[in-house]
Amino acid sequence: IVNEAGKNLSMACTVVTRYSAVRRQGYNEDGKTESQVLDYKQQQHRIFPLIAASYCFFFTGKKLLEKLFSIESRVVANESVTKAEMGDIHASSSALKSFTTTVAADGIEDCRKACGGHGFLASSGLPELLTTYLQNPTVEGDNHMLPQQVVKVLLKVVQAVESNEDV
């Protein structure tokens, strides 16, 4: 889910970046040539953090999958997996699912808006991407419940730190 959040957000970022590079609006200081929409700081402020987030989500998702596969292979091989490892992977995946799907869904919508009226066109791909992705924040657990599970694990860690246990 985390990896897919990165992929879907990156698709929207690709569309808005291409649109912003091609679309010209307003005139440069010379009064003769029009500026690319991408040259406007406001557009950069909207797009660049979403591009960075898509990369972060993609590679974080890859790392999370590596950890999950490692634990799964140890379980299949009848090797021990500690309760702490299971708690850590559960808390990490719950937190990341909640965070990445919400940011991705909101980011896809921001990308659509950053294309202006063109973002509504079916040819942009953004309306379909948004409507197919929008279910992800509630699939596999509601994003208001998952952070509560993470808090439960974090409170156990705080208690362990306070009692000088090895964390």
N, C-alpha and C. Protein backbone atom coordinates (compact mmCIF):
# COMPACT_ATOMS: atom_id res chain seq x y z
N ILE A 1 0.83 -1.19 0.00
CA ILE A 1 0.00 0.00 0.00
C ILE A 1 0.88 1.25 0.00
N VAL A 2 1.94 1.22 0.80
CA VAL A 2 2.85 2.38 0.88
C VAL A 2 3.53 2.60 -0.47
N ASN A 3 4.02 1.53 -1.05
CA ASN A 3 4.69 1.60 -2.35
C ASN A 3 3.73 2.12 -3.42
N GLU A 4 2.51 1.63 -3.42
CA GLU A 4 1.51 2.06 -4.40
C GLU A 4 1.14 3.53 -4.21
N ALA A 5 1.17 4.01 -2.97
CA ALA A 5 0.91 5.43 -2.73
C ALA A 5 1.94 6.27 -3.46
N GLY A 6 3.19 5.84 -3.37
CA GLY A 6 4.26 6.56 -4.07
C GLY A 6 4.10 6.52 -5.58
N LYS A 7 3.72 5.35 -6.10
CA LYS A 7 3.54 5.22 -7.55
C LYS A 7 2.39 6.09 -8.05
N ASN A 8 1.26 6.05 -7.35
CA ASN A 8 0.10 6.83 -7.79
C ASN A 8 0.35 8.33 -7.68
N LEU A 9 0.98 8.73 -6.59
CA LEU A 9 1.30 10.15 -6.45
C LEU A 9 2.29 10.59 -7.53
N SER A 10 3.24 9.73 -7.85
CA SER A 10 4.22 10.09 -8.89
C SER A 10 3.56 10.23 -10.26
N MET A 11 2.52 9.43 -10.53
CA MET A 11 1.81 9.58 -11.81
C MET A 11 1.14 10.96 -11.89
N ALA A 12 0.51 11.37 -10.81
CA ALA A 12 -0.13 12.69 -10.79
C ALA A 12 0.92 13.79 -10.90
N CYS A 13 2.04 13.62 -10.23
CA CYS A 13 3.11 14.61 -10.29
C CYS A 13 3.70 14.72 -11.70
N THR A 14 3.78 13.61 -12.39
CA THR A 14 4.27 13.62 -13.77
C THR A 14 3.34 14.42 -14.66
N VAL A 15 2.04 14.21 -14.51
CA VAL A 15 1.07 14.94 -15.32
C VAL A 15 1.16 16.43 -15.06
N VAL A 16 1.16 16.83 -13.78
CA VAL A 16 1.16 18.26 -13.46
C VAL A 16 2.49 18.91 -13.83
N THR A 17 3.58 18.20 -13.71
CA THR A 17 4.88 18.76 -14.09
C THR A 17 4.96 18.97 -15.60
N ARG A 18 4.50 18.00 -16.35
CA ARG A 18 4.50 18.14 -17.81
C ARG A 18 3.58 19.28 -18.24
N TYR A 19 2.40 19.33 -17.64
CA TYR A 19 1.45 20.40 -17.95
C TYR A 19 2.09 21.75 -17.64
N SER A 20 2.71 21.86 -16.48
CA SER A 20 3.28 23.14 -16.04
C SER A 20 4.48 23.56 -16.89
N ALA A 21 5.16 22.59 -17.46
CA ALA A 21 6.29 22.91 -18.33
C ALA A 21 5.84 23.37 -19.71
N VAL A 22 4.72 22.82 -20.19
CA VAL A 22 4.23 23.14 -21.53
C VAL A 22 3.33 24.38 -21.52
N ARG A 23 2.50 24.51 -20.52
CA ARG A 23 1.53 25.60 -20.44
C ARG A 23 2.24 26.92 -20.17
N ARG A 24 1.89 27.91 -20.93
CA ARG A 24 2.46 29.25 -20.74
C ARG A 24 1.34 30.20 -20.36
N GLN A 25 1.66 31.07 -19.41
CA GLN A 25 0.65 32.02 -18.94
C GLN A 25 1.35 33.23 -18.34
N GLY A 26 0.92 34.41 -18.70
CA GLY A 26 1.56 35.64 -18.22
C GLY A 26 2.82 35.92 -19.01
N TYR A 27 3.22 37.17 -19.00
CA TYR A 27 4.38 37.57 -19.80
C TYR A 27 5.61 37.77 -18.93
N ASN A 28 6.77 37.49 -19.53
CA ASN A 28 8.06 37.74 -18.88
C ASN A 28 8.29 39.25 -18.81
N GLU A 29 9.40 39.65 -18.22
CA GLU A 29 9.72 41.07 -18.07
C GLU A 29 9.88 41.78 -19.41
N ASP A 30 10.27 41.03 -20.44
CA ASP A 30 10.44 41.67 -21.74
C ASP A 30 9.09 42.01 -22.40
N GLY A 31 7.99 41.48 -21.86
CA GLY A 31 6.66 41.78 -22.37
C GLY A 31 6.32 41.08 -23.67
N LYS A 32 7.22 40.24 -24.17
CA LYS A 32 6.99 39.59 -25.46
C LYS A 32 6.77 38.08 -25.33
N THR A 33 7.49 37.46 -24.44
CA THR A 33 7.38 36.00 -24.30
C THR A 33 6.58 35.65 -23.04
N GLU A 34 5.86 34.56 -23.16
CA GLU A 34 5.06 34.10 -22.02
C GLU A 34 5.90 33.19 -21.12
N SER A 35 5.56 33.18 -19.84
CA SER A 35 6.26 32.35 -18.86
C SER A 35 5.63 30.97 -18.78
N GLN A 36 6.47 29.98 -18.54
CA GLN A 36 5.95 28.65 -18.24
C GLN A 36 5.27 28.70 -16.88
N VAL A 37 4.20 27.96 -16.72
CA VAL A 37 3.52 27.91 -15.43
C VAL A 37 4.49 27.36 -14.37
N LEU A 38 5.38 26.47 -14.79
CA LEU A 38 6.35 25.89 -13.87
C LEU A 38 7.34 26.92 -13.32
N ASP A 39 7.50 28.04 -14.00
CA ASP A 39 8.41 29.09 -13.53
C ASP A 39 7.87 29.86 -12.33
N TYR A 40 6.57 29.76 -12.10
CA TYR A 40 5.97 30.48 -10.97
C TYR A 40 6.29 29.76 -9.65
N LYS A 41 6.76 30.53 -8.68
CA LYS A 41 7.13 29.96 -7.37
C LYS A 41 5.95 29.24 -6.71
N GLN A 42 4.76 29.79 -6.86
CA GLN A 42 3.59 29.17 -6.25
C GLN A 42 3.36 27.75 -6.81
N GLN A 43 3.55 27.59 -8.10
CA GLN A 43 3.38 26.27 -8.72
C GLN A 43 4.47 25.32 -8.24
N GLN A 44 5.68 25.82 -8.14
CA GLN A 44 6.79 25.01 -7.64
C GLN A 44 6.53 24.59 -6.20
N HIS A 45 6.00 25.51 -5.41
CA HIS A 45 5.70 25.23 -4.00
C HIS A 45 4.63 24.14 -3.88
N ARG A 46 3.73 24.06 -4.82
CA ARG A 46 2.68 23.04 -4.81
C ARG A 46 3.21 21.69 -5.27
N ILE A 47 4.04 21.70 -6.30
CA ILE A 47 4.43 20.45 -6.97
C ILE A 47 5.65 19.78 -6.35
N PHE A 48 6.71 20.53 -6.07
CA PHE A 48 7.97 19.92 -5.66
C PHE A 48 7.88 19.09 -4.38
N PRO A 49 7.16 19.54 -3.35
CA PRO A 49 7.04 18.68 -2.16
C PRO A 49 6.31 17.37 -2.46
N LEU A 50 5.37 17.40 -3.39
CA LEU A 50 4.65 16.17 -3.75
C LEU A 50 5.56 15.21 -4.52
N ILE A 51 6.42 15.76 -5.36
CA ILE A 51 7.40 14.92 -6.07
C ILE A 51 8.32 14.25 -5.05
N ALA A 52 8.80 15.03 -4.10
CA ALA A 52 9.69 14.48 -3.07
C ALA A 52 8.96 13.41 -2.26
N ALA A 53 7.70 13.66 -1.90
CA ALA A 53 6.92 12.69 -1.13
C ALA A 53 6.74 11.40 -1.91
N SER A 54 6.51 11.51 -3.22
CA SER A 54 6.31 10.29 -4.02
C SER A 54 7.57 9.42 -4.02
N TYR A 55 8.73 10.04 -4.11
CA TYR A 55 9.98 9.28 -4.02
C TYR A 55 10.13 8.64 -2.63
N CYS A 56 9.86 9.42 -1.60
CA CYS A 56 9.98 8.91 -0.23
C CYS A 56 9.06 7.72 -0.01
N PHE A 57 7.81 7.84 -0.45
CA PHE A 57 6.85 6.76 -0.26
C PHE A 57 7.27 5.51 -1.03
N PHE A 58 7.75 5.70 -2.24
CA PHE A 58 8.15 4.56 -3.07
C PHE A 58 9.27 3.77 -2.41
N PHE A 59 10.34 4.47 -2.00
CA PHE A 59 11.48 3.78 -1.43
C PHE A 59 11.22 3.28 -0.01
N THR A 60 10.41 3.99 0.74
CA THR A 60 10.02 3.51 2.06
C THR A 60 9.18 2.24 1.92
N GLY A 61 8.30 2.22 0.94
CA GLY A 61 7.50 1.03 0.67
C GLY A 61 8.37 -0.16 0.31
N LYS A 62 9.40 0.07 -0.49
CA LYS A 62 10.34 -1.01 -0.84
C LYS A 62 11.03 -1.56 0.40
N LYS A 63 11.47 -0.67 1.29
CA LYS A 63 12.15 -1.10 2.51
C LYS A 63 11.20 -1.87 3.43
N LEU A 64 9.97 -1.40 3.53
CA LEU A 64 8.97 -2.08 4.36
C LEU A 64 8.70 -3.48 3.82
N LEU A 65 8.60 -3.61 2.50
CA LEU A 65 8.40 -4.93 1.90
C LEU A 65 9.58 -5.86 2.18
N GLU A 66 10.79 -5.33 2.13
CA GLU A 66 11.97 -6.14 2.46
C GLU A 66 11.87 -6.69 3.87
N LYS A 67 11.50 -5.83 4.82
CA LYS A 67 11.36 -6.27 6.21
C LYS A 67 10.27 -7.33 6.35
N LEU A 68 9.13 -7.10 5.69
CA LEU A 68 8.03 -8.06 5.76
C LEU A 68 8.44 -9.42 5.18
N PHE A 69 9.11 -9.41 4.03
CA PHE A 69 9.56 -10.65 3.42
C PHE A 69 10.60 -11.36 4.28
N SER A 70 11.45 -10.60 4.94
CA SER A 70 12.44 -11.18 5.84
C SER A 70 11.77 -11.90 7.00
N ILE A 71 10.80 -11.25 7.60
CA ILE A 71 10.06 -11.87 8.71
C ILE A 71 9.29 -13.09 8.22
N GLU A 72 8.66 -12.96 7.06
CA GLU A 72 7.89 -14.07 6.51
C GLU A 72 8.77 -15.29 6.23
N SER A 73 9.95 -15.06 5.66
CA SER A 73 10.85 -16.18 5.35
C SER A 73 11.35 -16.85 6.63
N ARG A 74 11.57 -16.06 7.68
CA ARG A 74 11.99 -16.64 8.96
C ARG A 74 10.86 -17.45 9.59
N VAL A 75 9.64 -16.99 9.46
CA VAL A 75 8.50 -17.74 10.00
C VAL A 75 8.34 -19.06 9.25
N VAL A 76 8.45 -19.02 7.92
CA VAL A 76 8.32 -20.22 7.09
C VAL A 76 9.42 -21.22 7.43
N ALA A 77 10.61 -20.73 7.73
CA ALA A 77 11.75 -21.59 8.07
C ALA A 77 11.75 -22.00 9.54
N ASN A 78 10.68 -21.70 10.25
CA ASN A 78 10.55 -22.03 11.68
C ASN A 78 11.64 -21.38 12.54
N GLU A 79 12.11 -20.23 12.10
CA GLU A 79 13.06 -19.46 12.90
C GLU A 79 12.26 -18.49 13.77
N SER A 80 12.86 -18.09 14.85
CA SER A 80 12.12 -17.24 15.79
C SER A 80 12.05 -15.79 15.31
N VAL A 81 10.91 -15.20 15.58
CA VAL A 81 10.68 -13.78 15.33
C VAL A 81 10.22 -13.21 16.66
N THR A 82 10.91 -12.17 17.12
CA THR A 82 10.58 -11.63 18.43
C THR A 82 9.29 -10.83 18.40
N LYS A 83 8.70 -10.73 19.56
CA LYS A 83 7.48 -9.95 19.71
C LYS A 83 7.75 -8.48 19.37
N ALA A 84 8.94 -8.01 19.73
CA ALA A 84 9.32 -6.62 19.45
C ALA A 84 9.40 -6.37 17.94
N GLU A 85 9.95 -7.34 17.20
CA GLU A 85 10.02 -7.20 15.75
C GLU A 85 8.62 -7.14 15.14
N MET A 86 7.73 -7.99 15.63
CA MET A 86 6.36 -8.01 15.13
C MET A 86 5.65 -6.69 15.46
N GLY A 87 5.85 -6.20 16.68
CA GLY A 87 5.25 -4.93 17.08
C GLY A 87 5.78 -3.78 16.25
N ASP A 88 7.08 -3.82 15.98
CA ASP A 88 7.70 -2.76 15.19
C ASP A 88 7.16 -2.73 13.77
N ILE A 89 7.09 -3.91 13.13
CA ILE A 89 6.61 -3.94 11.75
C ILE A 89 5.13 -3.59 11.68
N HIS A 90 4.36 -3.99 12.70
CA HIS A 90 2.93 -3.64 12.73
C HIS A 90 2.75 -2.14 12.89
N ALA A 91 3.47 -1.55 13.82
CA ALA A 91 3.36 -0.10 14.04
C ALA A 91 3.84 0.67 12.83
N SER A 92 4.95 0.24 12.25
CA SER A 92 5.49 0.93 11.07
C SER A 92 4.53 0.86 9.90
N SER A 93 4.02 -0.33 9.62
CA SER A 93 3.12 -0.47 8.47
C SER A 93 1.80 0.27 8.71
N SER A 94 1.30 0.25 9.93
CA SER A 94 0.05 0.96 10.23
C SER A 94 0.23 2.47 10.07
N ALA A 95 1.31 2.98 10.62
CA ALA A 95 1.57 4.42 10.54
C ALA A 95 1.80 4.85 9.09
N LEU A 96 2.59 4.08 8.38
CA LEU A 96 2.90 4.43 7.00
C LEU A 96 1.68 4.32 6.09
N LYS A 97 0.85 3.32 6.30
CA LYS A 97 -0.35 3.18 5.49
C LYS A 97 -1.24 4.40 5.69
N SER A 98 -1.45 4.76 6.92
CA SER A 98 -2.30 5.90 7.23
C SER A 98 -1.75 7.18 6.63
N PHE A 99 -0.49 7.43 6.87
CA PHE A 99 0.14 8.68 6.42
C PHE A 99 0.24 8.76 4.89
N THR A 100 0.79 7.71 4.28
CA THR A 100 1.06 7.78 2.84
C THR A 100 -0.21 7.82 2.00
N THR A 101 -1.22 7.08 2.38
CA THR A 101 -2.45 7.08 1.58
C THR A 101 -3.18 8.41 1.69
N THR A 102 -3.15 9.01 2.86
CA THR A 102 -3.79 10.32 3.02
C THR A 102 -3.05 11.39 2.22
N VAL A 103 -1.74 11.42 2.34
CA VAL A 103 -0.94 12.41 1.61
C VAL A 103 -1.06 12.18 0.11
N ALA A 104 -1.05 10.93 -0.33
CA ALA A 104 -1.16 10.64 -1.76
C ALA A 104 -2.52 11.06 -2.30
N ALA A 105 -3.60 10.72 -1.61
CA ALA A 105 -4.94 11.10 -2.08
C ALA A 105 -5.08 12.62 -2.14
N ASP A 106 -4.64 13.29 -1.09
CA ASP A 106 -4.70 14.76 -1.10
C ASP A 106 -3.77 15.35 -2.16
N GLY A 107 -2.61 14.72 -2.35
CA GLY A 107 -1.64 15.20 -3.33
C GLY A 107 -2.13 15.05 -4.76
N ILE A 108 -2.81 13.94 -5.05
CA ILE A 108 -3.37 13.75 -6.39
C ILE A 108 -4.40 14.84 -6.68
N GLU A 109 -5.22 15.13 -5.68
CA GLU A 109 -6.21 16.20 -5.85
C GLU A 109 -5.52 17.56 -6.03
N ASP A 110 -4.45 17.82 -5.29
CA ASP A 110 -3.70 19.08 -5.46
C ASP A 110 -3.10 19.17 -6.86
N CYS A 111 -2.59 18.05 -7.37
CA CYS A 111 -2.04 18.04 -8.73
C CYS A 111 -3.13 18.35 -9.75
N ARG A 112 -4.30 17.77 -9.53
CA ARG A 112 -5.42 18.05 -10.44
C ARG A 112 -5.75 19.54 -10.43
N LYS A 113 -5.82 20.12 -9.24
CA LYS A 113 -6.13 21.55 -9.12
C LYS A 113 -5.02 22.42 -9.74
N ALA A 114 -3.77 21.98 -9.62
CA ALA A 114 -2.65 22.76 -10.15
C ALA A 114 -2.64 22.80 -11.68
N CYS A 115 -3.44 21.94 -12.30
CA CYS A 115 -3.57 21.97 -13.76
C CYS A 115 -4.71 22.87 -14.21
N GLY A 116 -5.36 23.53 -13.25
CA GLY A 116 -6.48 24.39 -13.60
C GLY A 116 -7.61 23.58 -14.20
N GLY A 117 -8.31 24.16 -15.15
CA GLY A 117 -9.42 23.48 -15.80
C GLY A 117 -9.01 22.23 -16.56
N HIS A 118 -7.76 22.19 -17.01
CA HIS A 118 -7.25 21.03 -17.73
C HIS A 118 -7.20 19.79 -16.85
N GLY A 119 -7.11 19.98 -15.54
CA GLY A 119 -7.08 18.85 -14.62
C GLY A 119 -8.37 18.07 -14.58
N PHE A 120 -9.46 18.68 -15.04
CA PHE A 120 -10.75 17.99 -15.09
C PHE A 120 -10.91 17.14 -16.35
N LEU A 121 -10.10 17.39 -17.34
CA LEU A 121 -10.23 16.66 -18.60
C LEU A 121 -9.86 15.20 -18.42
N ALA A 122 -10.67 14.32 -19.00
CA ALA A 122 -10.38 12.88 -18.93
C ALA A 122 -9.03 12.58 -19.57
N SER A 123 -8.66 13.34 -20.60
CA SER A 123 -7.39 13.11 -21.30
C SER A 123 -6.18 13.35 -20.40
N SER A 124 -6.34 14.11 -19.32
CA SER A 124 -5.21 14.33 -18.40
C SER A 124 -4.93 13.07 -17.57
N GLY A 125 -5.94 12.24 -17.41
CA GLY A 125 -5.78 11.03 -16.61
C GLY A 125 -5.99 11.25 -15.12
N LEU A 126 -6.04 12.50 -14.71
CA LEU A 126 -6.15 12.81 -13.28
C LEU A 126 -7.51 12.47 -12.67
N PRO A 127 -8.64 12.74 -13.36
CA PRO A 127 -9.92 12.37 -12.74
C PRO A 127 -10.02 10.87 -12.47
N GLU A 128 -9.60 10.04 -13.43
CA GLU A 128 -9.65 8.59 -13.22
C GLU A 128 -8.67 8.15 -12.14
N LEU A 129 -7.48 8.70 -12.14
CA LEU A 129 -6.48 8.36 -11.12
C LEU A 129 -7.00 8.68 -9.73
N LEU A 130 -7.59 9.86 -9.59
CA LEU A 130 -8.11 10.28 -8.29
C LEU A 130 -9.25 9.37 -7.84
N THR A 131 -10.19 9.11 -8.72
CA THR A 131 -11.35 8.32 -8.30
C THR A 131 -10.99 6.87 -8.02
N THR A 132 -10.00 6.33 -8.72
CA THR A 132 -9.60 4.95 -8.43
C THR A 132 -8.72 4.86 -7.19
N TYR A 133 -7.97 5.92 -6.89
CA TYR A 133 -7.08 5.89 -5.72
C TYR A 133 -7.79 6.28 -4.43
N LEU A 134 -8.86 7.04 -4.53
CA LEU A 134 -9.48 7.65 -3.36
C LEU A 134 -9.96 6.65 -2.31
N GLN A 135 -10.16 5.42 -2.68
CA GLN A 135 -10.59 4.40 -1.71
C GLN A 135 -9.44 3.95 -0.79
N ASN A 136 -8.21 4.17 -1.18
CA ASN A 136 -7.07 3.63 -0.43
C ASN A 136 -6.93 4.12 1.01
N PRO A 137 -7.29 5.36 1.35
CA PRO A 137 -7.18 5.74 2.76
C PRO A 137 -8.09 4.93 3.70
N THR A 138 -9.11 4.27 3.17
CA THR A 138 -9.97 3.48 4.06
C THR A 138 -9.84 1.97 3.85
N VAL A 139 -9.14 1.54 2.81
CA VAL A 139 -8.92 0.11 2.58
C VAL A 139 -7.91 -0.40 3.61
N GLU A 140 -8.08 -1.61 4.05
CA GLU A 140 -7.17 -2.25 5.02
C GLU A 140 -7.10 -1.51 6.35
N GLY A 141 -8.14 -0.83 6.72
CA GLY A 141 -8.16 -0.15 8.01
C GLY A 141 -8.33 1.34 7.84
N ASP A 142 -9.23 1.88 8.59
CA ASP A 142 -9.52 3.32 8.53
C ASP A 142 -8.34 4.12 9.04
N ASN A 143 -8.04 5.21 8.39
CA ASN A 143 -6.89 6.03 8.75
C ASN A 143 -7.06 6.78 10.06
N HIS A 144 -8.22 6.70 10.68
CA HIS A 144 -8.38 7.28 12.01
C HIS A 144 -8.14 6.23 13.09
N MET A 145 -8.28 4.96 12.74
CA MET A 145 -8.06 3.88 13.70
C MET A 145 -6.60 3.44 13.73
N LEU A 146 -5.96 3.40 12.59
CA LEU A 146 -4.58 2.92 12.52
C LEU A 146 -3.61 3.74 13.38
N PRO A 147 -3.70 5.06 13.39
CA PRO A 147 -2.79 5.80 14.27
C PRO A 147 -2.98 5.47 15.75
N GLN A 148 -4.17 5.07 16.13
CA GLN A 148 -4.41 4.67 17.53
C GLN A 148 -3.61 3.41 17.86
N GLN A 149 -3.51 2.49 16.89
CA GLN A 149 -2.69 1.29 17.11
C GLN A 149 -1.22 1.66 17.24
N VAL A 150 -0.79 2.63 16.46
CA VAL A 150 0.60 3.08 16.52
C VAL A 150 0.89 3.72 17.87
N VAL A 151 -0.03 4.53 18.35
CA VAL A 151 0.14 5.18 19.66
C VAL A 151 0.27 4.15 20.75
N LYS A 152 -0.49 3.08 20.66
CA LYS A 152 -0.42 2.01 21.66
C LYS A 152 0.99 1.42 21.72
N VAL A 153 1.58 1.16 20.57
CA VAL A 153 2.95 0.63 20.52
C VAL A 153 3.94 1.66 21.04
N LEU A 154 3.76 2.93 20.64
CA LEU A 154 4.69 3.97 21.08
C LEU A 154 4.62 4.19 22.59
N LEU A 155 3.44 4.08 23.18
CA LEU A 155 3.32 4.21 24.63
C LEU A 155 4.06 3.09 25.34
N LYS A 156 4.05 1.89 24.78
CA LYS A 156 4.82 0.78 25.35
C LYS A 156 6.31 1.08 25.29
N VAL A 157 6.75 1.68 24.19
CA VAL A 157 8.16 2.04 24.06
C VAL A 157 8.53 3.10 25.09
N VAL A 158 7.66 4.10 25.28
CA VAL A 158 7.91 5.14 26.28
C VAL A 158 8.01 4.53 27.68
N GLN A 159 7.11 3.62 27.99
CA GLN A 159 7.16 2.96 29.30
C GLN A 159 8.46 2.19 29.46
N ALA A 160 8.90 1.52 28.39
CA ALA A 160 10.15 0.77 28.47
C ALA A 160 11.34 1.69 28.69
N VAL A 161 11.33 2.83 28.03
CA VAL A 161 12.43 3.80 28.19
C VAL A 161 12.43 4.36 29.61
N GLU A 162 11.26 4.67 30.11
CA GLU A 162 11.16 5.22 31.47
C GLU A 162 11.63 4.22 32.53
N SER A 163 11.42 2.94 32.28
CA SER A 163 11.84 1.93 33.25
C SER A 163 13.24 1.38 32.93
N ASN A 164 13.97 2.09 32.06
CA ASN A 164 15.34 1.74 31.70
C ASN A 164 15.49 0.36 31.08
N GLU A 165 14.45 -0.10 30.39
CA GLU A 165 14.54 -1.37 29.67
C GLU A 165 15.25 -1.13 28.36
N ASP A 166 15.79 -2.20 27.81
CA ASP A 166 16.45 -2.13 26.51
C ASP A 166 15.39 -2.00 25.42
N VAL A 167 15.49 -0.95 24.62
CA VAL A 167 14.49 -0.73 23.56
C VAL A 167 15.13 -0.97 22.20
